[in-house]
Amino acid sequence: MATPNPSTATPNAILDLRIGNKYKLGRKIGSGSFGEIYLGTNVVTNEDVAVKLENIKARHPQLEYEAKIYKNLAGGVGIPFVRHFGVESQYNCMVIDLLGPSLEDLFNFCGRKFSLKTVLLLADQLLSRIEYIHSKHFIHRDIKPDNFLMGIMRRTNLVHVIDFGLAKKYRDPRTHIHIAYRENKNLTGTARYASINTHLGIEQSRRDDLESLGYVLMYFLRGNLPWQGLKALTKRQKYDRIMEKKMTTTTEQLCRTFPTEFAIYLNYTRALRFDDKPDYGYLKRLFRELFVREGFKYDYVFDWTVFKHDRDNMSVRPLTGPTLNHGNAADHGALRQPEAAAQRPSMTPAPAAPENSSFRRANKAAPGGGTAVAGGYYASQFAGGSQANLGSTSRPGYSQHKYDGTGTRDNPVMVDDMGHLNPGVSSRKPIPTSDRVLRSNARGDAAANPKPATPTGATHGSYANLHRYRPSQEEMRAASNNAAAGGYNMYHASR
C-alpha cells in the first residue's frame, strides 16, 4: 500500500508526531508540492517554530537538500536557522525559524507601490543577503519578493531570505574553481524576475541573482513590470514572449522617471561576464549615496510601518490589508478581498488557486484561521497579533494568465553536493546566431575571452569592469545611455 502524503493522512496521525522528541505539531498553516507546513512548538521552551513535512516517497524530494543549504549558510544575518532535520514516521521533517510576512505580502498591503525610501532601505539589505549567499559558494536562482521575509519581534526590520530548493553551488568551496559555462539549459527560477541570460538558456551564475534583484526593485517602484500579463497558449510560448519583451525593453525605458542609479545598476549586472565577481560594495554605495542625496534617514520606517500607524490611529481593525484594485488585480498576484475574509488575521487576501504547472507550489487556506500566504514562513500577524499564518515556499506571481511566474527546475532531482541536477531532455531551442553575437563574451573563458586591462575610462566596452574602476556620474550616465541605445548587453559585442 502506498504511503499517504501529509495532505491525505489523517490529521490526528500527523499531529501526534513528535519531531526530534522536542517539537509538537499544531495546525497546518501552509502547503505546497513538497508537502505541508505546520505550526510547531518547542515543548521545553514553548517557542513557536515552523515545521515542513515531506513524504519520504515524494517523487522529487527536496527538503533534505534545502536543509543542507541552510546549514551551510548558518550564522549569516537574515538566514533562518534550521533547528532540526530528520525522518519521523513516513516524513522528512525540517524545523526552522518562524518569520513574518514576505515582501510580496507587504507590497500588496501597501497598495502595490513602495516609496523610493522603502526600496532603497530594502535594496541595501537584499544586496547584503545575496552577497552573503554568494560568499558561501551558492547562487539562489529564485530571487523574488516572495522569498524575502521580514522577521518577527525584535527582528521585524530585518529581511530574511528563504527557499533554497533551486539553489546551486557555482564554485568549488576549496579551490574556488567556477562551474563551467553551459548553454541550452532549461529555465530555472521565476520567469517574471529571471535574467535575460537565464531565458536564453545560459548556465546561471552570480550575475543572474543580481539582475533578478534589479527587476524586483523596479517591480516595487513601478508596481508592475512590462512583461507581466502577456498572453500565450503554452508555457514555452509564454517564456519566449517574456524573454522577447525583456530584451526589447531598454533599461532607460524600464527605469524612466526613476533615479538613474537603477538603470546604472541593471546595466552593470547585465554587463558582467559569466564568472565575474560582482562588486557588491559598489552597488550598495550606489544606492546609499542616492539615499543620502534624497535626504532620507536610516530610521527603518518602511511604508508598511507608516500604513500600519495611520491605520491604528483610525482604529481600523482587524488588519486585513487594503482592497486591491489597481488594473487587473489578478494579474498582479492579488485578488479583491471578499467580505468574509475580514475575520482572517492575514494581512493579504487569499490568492487564487494556482493554475497548472509542474513545479508550482499550491496555496491553500489554513484551517483554524488565517490564509496560508505563500512565499515563506509567515508566522505572525503584521499588526503584532497572534501567530496565525505560514506559507509554502516558491510561490510564483499569480496571474490570470498561465505560466506568468512559475518556478521550474532544470530537472527536479538533486543528485550531489554541488547541486547539480540529473540530466534531462532540454526543451530549449538553440540560441539564434544573432544572440550569440550579442553575447560574444558572455562565456568568460580566459583563452577565448581574455579580460581587458584596467580601463582608463568608462566606455561601453569596459562597462563590465566597473568593479575595478570608479567612473564619474557623468561617465556612468553616458554608459547607461549607450546601453539603452544599443539594446541588451551590447557592451559584449565591442569587447
Protein backbone atom coordinates (compact mmCIF):
# COMPACT_ATOMS: atom_id res chain seq x y z
CA MET A 1 0.00 0.00 0.00
CA ALA A 2 1.34 3.43 -0.93
CA THR A 3 2.37 5.73 1.88
CA PRO A 4 -0.07 8.63 2.12
CA ASN A 5 1.01 12.19 1.61
CA PRO A 6 0.70 14.57 4.56
CA SER A 7 -2.28 16.15 2.85
CA THR A 8 -4.08 12.80 2.72
CA ALA A 9 -3.01 11.43 6.09
CA THR A 10 -5.42 11.77 8.98
CA PRO A 11 -4.92 15.00 10.94
CA ASN A 12 -4.55 13.15 14.22
CA ALA A 13 -1.82 10.89 12.82
CA ILE A 14 0.26 13.91 11.84
CA LEU A 15 -0.47 15.99 14.93
CA ASP A 16 0.61 13.07 17.11
CA LEU A 17 4.12 13.25 15.65
CA ARG A 18 6.90 14.42 17.93
CA ILE A 19 9.69 15.86 15.84
CA GLY A 20 13.06 15.01 17.35
CA ASN A 21 11.29 14.28 20.65
CA LYS A 22 11.22 18.03 21.11
CA TYR A 23 8.66 19.66 18.84
CA LYS A 24 4.93 19.05 18.73
CA LEU A 25 2.79 19.99 15.79
CA GLY A 26 -0.12 22.39 15.78
CA ARG A 27 -2.45 23.23 12.96
CA LYS A 28 -1.50 23.12 9.31
CA ILE A 29 -0.67 26.59 8.09
CA GLY A 30 0.67 26.04 4.60
CA SER A 31 1.04 23.56 1.80
CA GLY A 32 2.88 23.05 -1.42
CA SER A 33 4.15 20.48 -3.87
CA PHE A 34 6.79 19.45 -1.31
CA GLY A 35 4.21 18.58 1.33
CA GLU A 36 2.79 20.53 4.23
CA ILE A 37 3.85 23.20 6.72
CA TYR A 38 2.70 23.14 10.33
CA LEU A 39 2.99 25.48 13.23
CA GLY A 40 5.20 23.75 15.77
CA THR A 41 6.06 24.34 19.40
CA ASN A 42 9.18 23.50 21.36
CA VAL A 43 7.78 21.53 24.29
CA VAL A 44 10.67 22.64 26.52
CA THR A 45 10.80 26.38 25.81
CA ASN A 46 7.26 26.83 24.42
CA GLU A 47 8.77 28.66 21.44
CA ASP A 48 6.86 28.56 18.17
CA VAL A 49 8.62 27.26 15.07
CA ALA A 50 7.81 26.28 11.51
CA VAL A 51 7.80 22.58 10.61
CA LYS A 52 7.95 21.43 6.99
CA LEU A 53 6.90 17.85 6.27
CA GLU A 54 7.71 16.00 3.06
CA ASN A 55 6.71 12.43 2.32
CA ILE A 56 9.80 10.21 2.17
CA LYS A 57 8.41 8.69 -1.04
CA ALA A 58 7.95 12.04 -2.76
CA ARG A 59 8.75 11.87 -6.45
CA HIS A 60 11.17 14.76 -6.29
CA PRO A 61 12.36 15.12 -2.69
CA GLN A 62 13.98 18.44 -1.91
CA LEU A 63 13.72 19.01 1.82
CA GLU A 64 16.98 17.34 2.81
CA TYR A 65 18.85 19.26 0.13
CA GLU A 66 17.32 22.54 1.28
CA ALA A 67 18.15 21.77 4.92
CA LYS A 68 21.79 21.16 3.97
CA ILE A 69 22.00 24.54 2.27
CA TYR A 70 20.51 26.28 5.30
CA LYS A 71 23.15 24.63 7.47
CA ASN A 72 25.91 25.72 5.08
CA LEU A 73 24.63 29.28 5.36
CA ALA A 74 24.01 29.14 9.12
CA GLY A 75 25.18 32.16 11.08
CA GLY A 76 24.58 34.71 8.36
CA VAL A 77 22.43 37.76 9.01
CA GLY A 78 18.93 37.15 7.72
CA ILE A 79 19.38 33.39 7.28
CA PRO A 80 16.70 31.34 9.09
CA PHE A 81 18.11 28.78 11.48
CA VAL A 82 17.30 25.10 10.97
CA ARG A 83 16.79 23.64 14.41
CA HIS A 84 16.27 20.06 13.31
CA PHE A 85 16.12 17.82 10.28
CA GLY A 86 15.24 14.15 10.42
CA VAL A 87 12.81 11.42 9.50
CA GLU A 88 9.74 10.82 11.62
CA SER A 89 7.39 8.03 10.64
CA GLN A 90 6.93 8.49 6.89
CA TYR A 91 8.03 12.11 6.66
CA ASN A 92 11.19 14.12 6.17
CA CYS A 93 10.88 16.91 8.74
CA MET A 94 12.62 20.27 8.90
CA VAL A 95 12.16 22.58 11.89
CA ILE A 96 13.06 26.18 11.13
CA ASP A 97 12.60 29.71 12.48
CA LEU A 98 9.17 31.24 12.29
CA LEU A 99 9.25 34.52 10.34
CA GLY A 100 6.97 37.40 9.40
CA PRO A 101 5.32 38.49 6.14
CA SER A 102 7.04 38.37 2.77
CA LEU A 103 7.87 41.47 0.76
CA GLU A 104 5.14 40.43 -1.67
CA ASP A 105 2.64 40.40 1.19
CA LEU A 106 3.78 43.85 2.33
CA PHE A 107 3.74 45.11 -1.26
CA ASN A 108 0.07 44.12 -1.52
CA PHE A 109 -0.63 45.63 1.89
CA CYS A 110 0.79 48.98 0.77
CA GLY A 111 -1.32 49.17 -2.38
CA ARG A 112 1.26 47.61 -4.70
CA LYS A 113 3.69 50.52 -4.70
CA PHE A 114 6.70 51.17 -2.50
CA SER A 115 8.23 54.60 -1.99
CA LEU A 116 11.80 55.30 -3.08
CA LYS A 117 12.90 55.36 0.54
CA THR A 118 11.47 51.91 1.27
CA VAL A 119 13.00 50.46 -1.91
CA LEU A 120 16.43 51.85 -1.03
CA LEU A 121 16.20 50.56 2.54
CA LEU A 122 15.33 47.14 1.16
CA ALA A 123 17.95 47.24 -1.59
CA ASP A 124 20.75 47.62 0.94
CA GLN A 125 19.64 44.56 2.90
CA LEU A 126 18.80 42.48 -0.17
CA LEU A 127 22.23 43.09 -1.68
CA SER A 128 23.83 42.08 1.60
CA ARG A 129 21.84 38.83 1.71
CA ILE A 130 22.79 37.92 -1.85
CA GLU A 131 26.42 38.82 -1.24
CA TYR A 132 26.50 36.52 1.79
CA ILE A 133 24.93 33.62 -0.12
CA HIS A 134 27.50 34.07 -2.88
CA SER A 135 30.33 34.21 -0.35
CA LYS A 136 29.25 30.73 0.77
CA HIS A 137 29.61 29.48 -2.83
CA PHE A 138 25.89 29.29 -3.64
CA ILE A 139 23.63 31.12 -6.04
CA HIS A 140 19.94 31.33 -5.13
CA ARG A 141 18.40 31.17 -8.62
CA ASP A 142 14.93 32.26 -7.49
CA ILE A 143 15.23 35.87 -6.36
CA LYS A 144 11.72 37.31 -5.99
CA PRO A 145 9.65 39.23 -3.40
CA ASP A 146 8.01 36.06 -2.07
CA ASN A 147 11.38 34.69 -0.98
CA PHE A 148 12.31 37.62 1.27
CA LEU A 149 10.55 37.78 4.63
CA MET A 150 10.67 40.27 7.45
CA GLY A 151 11.43 38.97 10.91
CA ILE A 152 9.22 38.99 13.98
CA MET A 153 9.52 40.51 17.44
CA ARG A 154 12.96 42.14 17.77
CA ARG A 155 13.82 41.42 14.15
CA THR A 156 10.82 42.99 12.47
CA ASN A 157 13.07 45.31 10.42
CA LEU A 158 15.44 42.56 9.30
CA VAL A 159 15.00 40.99 5.87
CA HIS A 160 15.42 37.20 5.74
CA VAL A 161 15.93 35.07 2.65
CA ILE A 162 14.24 31.69 2.24
CA ASP A 163 13.54 28.88 -0.22
CA PHE A 164 16.81 27.35 -1.33
CA GLY A 165 15.19 24.48 -3.21
CA LEU A 166 16.59 25.79 -6.51
CA ALA A 167 19.95 26.97 -5.13
CA LYS A 168 23.18 25.62 -6.57
CA LYS A 169 26.89 25.83 -5.87
CA TYR A 170 28.59 27.95 -8.51
CA ARG A 171 32.17 27.20 -7.43
CA ASP A 172 34.17 24.62 -5.52
CA PRO A 173 34.48 25.68 -1.85
CA ARG A 174 38.15 24.61 -1.62
CA THR A 175 39.60 25.58 -4.99
CA HIS A 176 37.10 28.32 -5.89
CA ILE A 177 37.03 26.92 -9.41
CA HIS A 178 33.91 28.25 -11.10
CA ILE A 179 31.36 25.93 -12.69
CA ALA A 180 31.61 25.63 -16.45
CA TYR A 181 29.77 27.87 -18.84
CA ARG A 182 26.92 25.93 -20.44
CA GLU A 183 24.09 26.66 -22.83
CA ASN A 184 20.75 25.05 -23.67
CA LYS A 185 19.69 24.99 -20.02
CA ASN A 186 16.03 24.91 -19.11
CA LEU A 187 14.54 27.92 -17.35
CA THR A 188 15.17 27.67 -13.62
CA GLY A 189 13.50 30.14 -11.29
CA THR A 190 10.59 32.52 -11.75
CA ALA A 191 10.05 33.81 -15.28
CA ARG A 192 8.95 37.29 -14.20
CA TYR A 193 12.27 38.04 -12.49
CA ALA A 194 14.63 35.75 -14.44
CA SER A 195 17.67 37.31 -16.09
CA ILE A 196 17.85 37.53 -19.86
CA ASN A 197 20.73 35.06 -19.95
CA THR A 198 18.59 32.61 -17.99
CA HIS A 199 15.85 32.95 -20.61
CA LEU A 200 18.48 32.33 -23.30
CA GLY A 201 19.41 29.04 -21.69
CA ILE A 202 22.78 30.05 -20.25
CA GLU A 203 24.00 28.48 -17.02
CA GLN A 204 23.29 30.84 -14.13
CA SER A 205 25.98 32.49 -12.03
CA ARG A 206 26.24 35.38 -9.59
CA ARG A 207 25.31 37.99 -12.16
CA ASP A 208 21.88 36.43 -12.66
CA ASP A 209 20.86 36.72 -8.99
CA LEU A 210 21.76 40.41 -9.14
CA GLU A 211 19.92 41.07 -12.40
CA SER A 212 16.83 39.41 -10.92
CA LEU A 213 17.13 41.70 -7.91
CA GLY A 214 17.15 44.69 -10.26
CA TYR A 215 13.81 43.58 -11.66
CA VAL A 216 12.46 43.12 -8.14
CA LEU A 217 13.44 46.69 -7.23
CA MET A 218 11.79 48.08 -10.35
CA TYR A 219 8.70 45.99 -9.63
CA PHE A 220 8.48 47.66 -6.23
CA LEU A 221 8.91 51.16 -7.68
CA ARG A 222 6.69 50.78 -10.74
CA GLY A 223 4.03 48.49 -9.33
CA ASN A 224 4.47 46.04 -12.21
CA LEU A 225 6.90 45.01 -14.92
CA PRO A 226 6.31 45.46 -18.68
CA TRP A 227 6.33 41.69 -19.30
CA GLN A 228 3.53 40.90 -16.86
CA GLY A 229 0.17 39.81 -18.22
CA LEU A 230 1.40 38.61 -21.60
CA LYS A 231 -0.94 36.03 -23.09
CA ALA A 232 0.20 32.74 -24.59
CA LEU A 233 -1.23 29.31 -25.25
CA THR A 234 1.68 27.28 -23.91
CA LYS A 235 4.33 27.60 -21.26
CA ARG A 236 7.09 27.67 -23.87
CA GLN A 237 5.37 30.47 -25.77
CA LYS A 238 4.84 32.36 -22.53
CA TYR A 239 8.53 32.17 -21.63
CA ASP A 240 9.51 33.25 -25.14
CA ARG A 241 7.19 36.26 -25.02
CA ILE A 242 8.54 37.31 -21.62
CA MET A 243 12.10 36.96 -22.90
CA GLU A 244 11.35 38.96 -26.03
CA LYS A 245 9.76 41.76 -24.02
CA LYS A 246 12.70 41.89 -21.61
CA MET A 247 15.22 42.03 -24.45
CA THR A 248 13.39 44.79 -26.28
CA THR A 249 12.72 46.89 -23.18
CA THR A 250 15.81 49.01 -22.63
CA THR A 251 16.92 49.91 -19.14
CA GLU A 252 16.13 53.52 -19.99
CA GLN A 253 12.53 52.58 -20.73
CA LEU A 254 12.23 50.30 -17.71
CA CYS A 255 13.64 52.88 -15.30
CA ARG A 256 12.13 56.01 -16.85
CA THR A 257 11.03 58.64 -14.28
CA PHE A 258 13.13 56.95 -11.58
CA PRO A 259 16.66 57.86 -10.43
CA THR A 260 19.36 56.89 -12.93
CA GLU A 261 21.03 54.69 -10.32
CA PHE A 262 18.54 51.92 -11.09
CA ALA A 263 19.41 51.92 -14.79
CA ILE A 264 23.09 52.01 -13.88
CA TYR A 265 22.58 49.03 -11.58
CA LEU A 266 20.85 46.97 -14.28
CA ASN A 267 23.39 47.90 -16.94
CA TYR A 268 26.17 46.86 -14.61
CA THR A 269 24.65 43.47 -13.81
CA ARG A 270 23.82 42.77 -17.45
CA ALA A 271 27.38 43.57 -18.49
CA LEU A 272 29.01 41.15 -16.06
CA ARG A 273 30.66 38.14 -17.62
CA PHE A 274 29.76 34.62 -16.60
CA ASP A 275 32.43 34.13 -13.93
CA ASP A 276 32.91 37.77 -12.91
CA LYS A 277 32.78 38.56 -9.22
CA PRO A 278 30.34 41.45 -8.79
CA ASP A 279 31.41 44.45 -6.76
CA TYR A 280 28.66 44.33 -4.16
CA GLY A 281 30.17 47.25 -2.27
CA TYR A 282 29.96 49.46 -5.33
CA LEU A 283 26.32 48.56 -5.89
CA LYS A 284 25.43 49.23 -2.27
CA ARG A 285 27.25 52.58 -2.36
CA LEU A 286 25.33 53.47 -5.49
CA PHE A 287 22.05 53.24 -3.61
CA ARG A 288 23.37 54.57 -0.29
CA GLU A 289 24.61 57.75 -1.92
CA LEU A 290 21.22 58.19 -3.58
CA PHE A 291 19.57 57.64 -0.20
CA VAL A 292 21.65 60.42 1.35
CA ARG A 293 21.13 62.81 -1.58
CA GLU A 294 17.38 62.37 -1.25
CA GLY A 295 17.60 63.41 2.40
CA PHE A 296 16.22 60.15 3.79
CA LYS A 297 17.00 58.90 7.28
CA TYR A 298 18.07 55.39 8.25
CA ASP A 299 15.23 55.09 10.73
CA TYR A 300 13.85 51.83 9.29
CA VAL A 301 10.43 53.40 8.89
CA PHE A 302 9.10 51.46 5.92
CA ASP A 303 5.92 52.19 4.01
CA TRP A 304 4.06 49.45 5.88
CA THR A 305 5.19 50.98 9.18
CA VAL A 306 3.53 54.27 8.22
CA PHE A 307 0.49 52.50 6.79
CA LYS A 308 0.03 50.50 9.98
CA HIS A 309 0.49 53.60 12.15
CA ASP A 310 -2.10 55.54 10.16
CA ARG A 311 -4.49 52.63 10.29
CA ASP A 312 -4.07 52.25 14.04
CA ASN A 313 -4.80 55.94 14.50
CA MET A 314 -8.03 55.47 12.58
CA SER A 315 -8.85 52.41 14.71
CA VAL A 316 -9.50 50.23 11.68
CA ARG A 317 -9.33 46.61 12.83
CA PRO A 318 -8.63 43.83 12.18
CA LEU A 319 -5.74 44.20 9.79
CA THR A 320 -6.85 42.69 6.51
CA GLY A 321 -4.95 44.82 4.03
CA PRO A 322 -6.38 47.27 1.51
CA THR A 323 -8.73 46.19 -1.21
CA LEU A 324 -6.56 45.91 -4.29
CA ASN A 325 -7.99 47.40 -7.44
CA HIS A 326 -5.01 48.50 -9.49
CA GLY A 327 -5.80 47.50 -13.02
CA ASN A 328 -6.21 43.77 -13.28
CA ALA A 329 -5.63 42.65 -9.71
CA ALA A 330 -5.48 39.01 -10.62
CA ASP A 331 -2.58 39.71 -12.95
CA HIS A 332 -0.65 41.34 -10.13
CA GLY A 333 -0.98 38.25 -7.99
CA ALA A 334 -3.65 39.58 -5.64
CA LEU A 335 -7.40 39.34 -5.65
CA ARG A 336 -10.08 41.63 -4.32
CA GLN A 337 -10.68 40.54 -0.76
CA PRO A 338 -14.13 39.13 -0.01
CA GLU A 339 -16.01 40.42 2.98
CA ALA A 340 -15.75 37.05 4.67
CA ALA A 341 -12.00 37.45 4.76
CA ALA A 342 -12.30 40.35 7.18
CA GLN A 343 -12.11 37.92 10.07
CA ARG A 344 -8.84 36.45 8.92
CA PRO A 345 -5.70 37.57 10.69
CA SER A 346 -3.87 37.56 7.38
CA MET A 347 -2.77 40.93 6.04
CA THR A 348 -3.32 39.89 2.42
CA PRO A 349 -6.25 38.30 0.64
CA ALA A 350 -6.01 34.67 -0.25
CA PRO A 351 -4.63 34.28 -3.78
CA ALA A 352 -6.49 32.26 -6.31
CA ALA A 353 -5.57 28.62 -6.61
CA PRO A 354 -2.63 28.37 -8.98
CA GLU A 355 -3.21 27.23 -12.48
CA ASN A 356 -1.49 24.10 -13.65
CA SER A 357 2.32 23.88 -13.53
CA SER A 358 4.62 21.01 -12.69
CA PHE A 359 6.58 22.80 -10.01
CA ARG A 360 4.11 25.45 -8.95
CA ARG A 361 3.52 25.27 -5.21
CA ALA A 362 -0.06 25.01 -4.09
CA ASN A 363 -1.63 27.62 -1.88
CA LYS A 364 -4.47 26.68 0.43
CA ALA A 365 -6.45 28.35 3.14
CA ALA A 366 -5.17 27.44 6.56
CA PRO A 367 -7.75 25.80 8.76
CA GLY A 368 -8.30 27.34 12.12
CA GLY A 369 -7.93 30.89 10.88
CA GLY A 370 -5.50 32.55 8.57
CA THR A 371 -4.55 32.28 4.97
CA ALA A 372 -1.57 30.17 4.10
CA VAL A 373 0.28 33.04 2.50
CA ALA A 374 2.72 31.55 0.05
CA GLY A 375 6.27 32.71 -0.24
CA GLY A 376 7.66 31.99 3.17
CA TYR A 377 7.29 31.16 6.80
CA TYR A 378 4.67 33.80 7.54
CA ALA A 379 4.22 33.42 11.24
CA SER A 380 2.72 36.48 12.84
CA GLN A 381 0.02 38.95 12.04
CA PHE A 382 1.64 42.14 10.77
CA ALA A 383 -0.14 44.12 13.44
CA GLY A 384 1.68 42.12 16.08
CA GLY A 385 -1.18 39.80 16.90
CA SER A 386 -1.47 36.06 17.04
CA GLN A 387 0.85 33.82 15.13
CA ALA A 388 -1.63 32.74 12.54
CA ASN A 389 -0.14 32.22 9.14
CA LEU A 390 2.61 30.33 7.50
CA GLY A 391 3.15 29.92 3.82
CA SER A 392 4.62 27.50 1.39
CA THR A 393 7.79 28.26 -0.48
CA SER A 394 8.48 29.42 -4.00
CA ARG A 395 5.16 30.93 -4.89
CA PRO A 396 5.12 32.34 -8.41
CA GLY A 397 3.45 35.64 -9.10
CA TYR A 398 -0.14 34.61 -9.52
CA SER A 399 -1.81 35.71 -12.70
CA GLN A 400 -4.97 35.12 -14.62
CA HIS A 401 -2.66 34.04 -17.41
CA LYS A 402 -0.92 30.72 -17.27
CA TYR A 403 2.81 30.48 -16.58
CA ASP A 404 3.35 34.15 -15.71
CA GLY A 405 5.84 33.44 -12.99
CA THR A 406 6.19 29.75 -12.44
CA GLY A 407 9.31 28.39 -10.79
CA THR A 408 10.87 25.43 -12.56
CA ARG A 409 13.97 23.31 -12.31
CA ASP A 410 16.35 22.05 -14.98
CA ASN A 411 15.36 18.59 -13.78
CA PRO A 412 13.98 18.36 -10.28
CA VAL A 413 16.13 15.53 -8.92
CA MET A 414 19.09 16.85 -6.91
CA VAL A 415 21.96 14.39 -7.10
CA ASP A 416 25.08 15.75 -5.45
CA ASP A 417 26.50 18.28 -3.01
CA MET A 418 27.27 20.74 -5.81
CA GLY A 419 23.55 20.98 -6.51
CA HIS A 420 23.87 19.50 -9.98
CA LEU A 421 20.72 18.01 -11.39
CA ASN A 422 20.21 14.77 -13.26
CA PRO A 423 20.50 15.41 -16.99
CA GLY A 424 17.15 15.64 -18.69
CA VAL A 425 15.81 16.30 -22.13
CA SER A 426 16.09 20.01 -22.75
CA SER A 427 13.09 21.70 -24.26
CA ARG A 428 15.09 24.82 -25.05
CA LYS A 429 15.51 25.85 -28.65
CA PRO A 430 19.02 26.58 -30.00
CA ILE A 431 20.19 30.13 -29.37
CA PRO A 432 19.99 32.21 -32.57
CA THR A 433 23.27 33.30 -34.10
CA SER A 434 22.35 36.95 -33.60
CA ASP A 435 22.01 36.36 -29.86
CA ARG A 436 25.38 34.63 -29.80
CA VAL A 437 26.96 37.69 -31.42
CA LEU A 438 25.43 39.99 -28.82
CA ARG A 439 26.77 37.72 -26.10
CA SER A 440 30.17 37.16 -27.74
CA ASN A 441 31.89 37.48 -24.40
CA ALA A 442 29.22 36.08 -22.12
CA ARG A 443 31.17 32.83 -21.74
CA GLY A 444 34.09 34.44 -19.92
CA ASP A 445 36.66 31.83 -20.99
CA ALA A 446 40.19 33.02 -20.32
CA ALA A 447 41.53 31.92 -23.70
CA ALA A 448 38.65 32.84 -25.96
CA ASN A 449 37.68 35.90 -23.98
CA PRO A 450 40.62 37.46 -22.15
CA LYS A 451 39.69 40.13 -19.66
CA PRO A 452 40.91 43.60 -20.63
CA ALA A 453 43.40 45.50 -18.56
CA THR A 454 42.17 48.01 -16.00
CA PRO A 455 40.28 50.57 -18.08
CA THR A 456 41.19 54.19 -18.29
CA GLY A 457 37.66 55.31 -18.99
CA ALA A 458 34.12 54.07 -18.66
CA THR A 459 33.35 53.36 -22.29
CA HIS A 460 30.59 50.97 -23.13
CA GLY A 461 33.24 48.37 -23.99
CA SER A 462 34.65 48.36 -20.47
CA TYR A 463 31.45 48.63 -18.50
CA ALA A 464 31.77 45.14 -17.07
CA ASN A 465 34.94 46.25 -15.34
CA LEU A 466 33.28 48.83 -13.11
CA HIS A 467 34.30 46.77 -10.10
CA ARG A 468 37.89 47.73 -10.96
CA TYR A 469 37.24 51.36 -11.88
CA ARG A 470 35.06 54.08 -10.37
CA PRO A 471 33.81 56.41 -13.12
CA SER A 472 32.20 59.76 -12.55
CA GLN A 473 28.43 60.15 -12.53
CA GLU A 474 28.63 61.75 -16.00
CA GLU A 475 30.55 58.79 -17.37
CA MET A 476 28.12 56.38 -15.76
CA ARG A 477 25.15 58.14 -17.30
CA ALA A 478 26.89 58.07 -20.69
CA ALA A 479 27.49 54.35 -20.32
CA SER A 480 23.87 53.85 -19.32
CA ASN A 481 22.64 55.79 -22.33
CA ASN A 482 24.93 53.82 -24.63
CA ALA A 483 23.48 50.60 -23.28
CA ALA A 484 19.91 51.83 -23.65
CA ALA A 485 20.57 52.91 -27.22
CA GLY A 486 22.20 49.64 -28.18
CA GLY A 487 19.78 47.27 -26.52
CA TYR A 488 20.67 44.35 -24.29
CA ASN A 489 24.31 43.69 -23.50
CA MET A 490 25.84 45.46 -26.48
CA TYR A 491 28.92 46.01 -24.34
CA HIS A 492 29.97 42.45 -25.05
CA ALA A 493 29.94 42.94 -28.81
CA SER A 494 32.71 45.52 -28.61
CA ARG A 495 34.96 43.84 -26.06
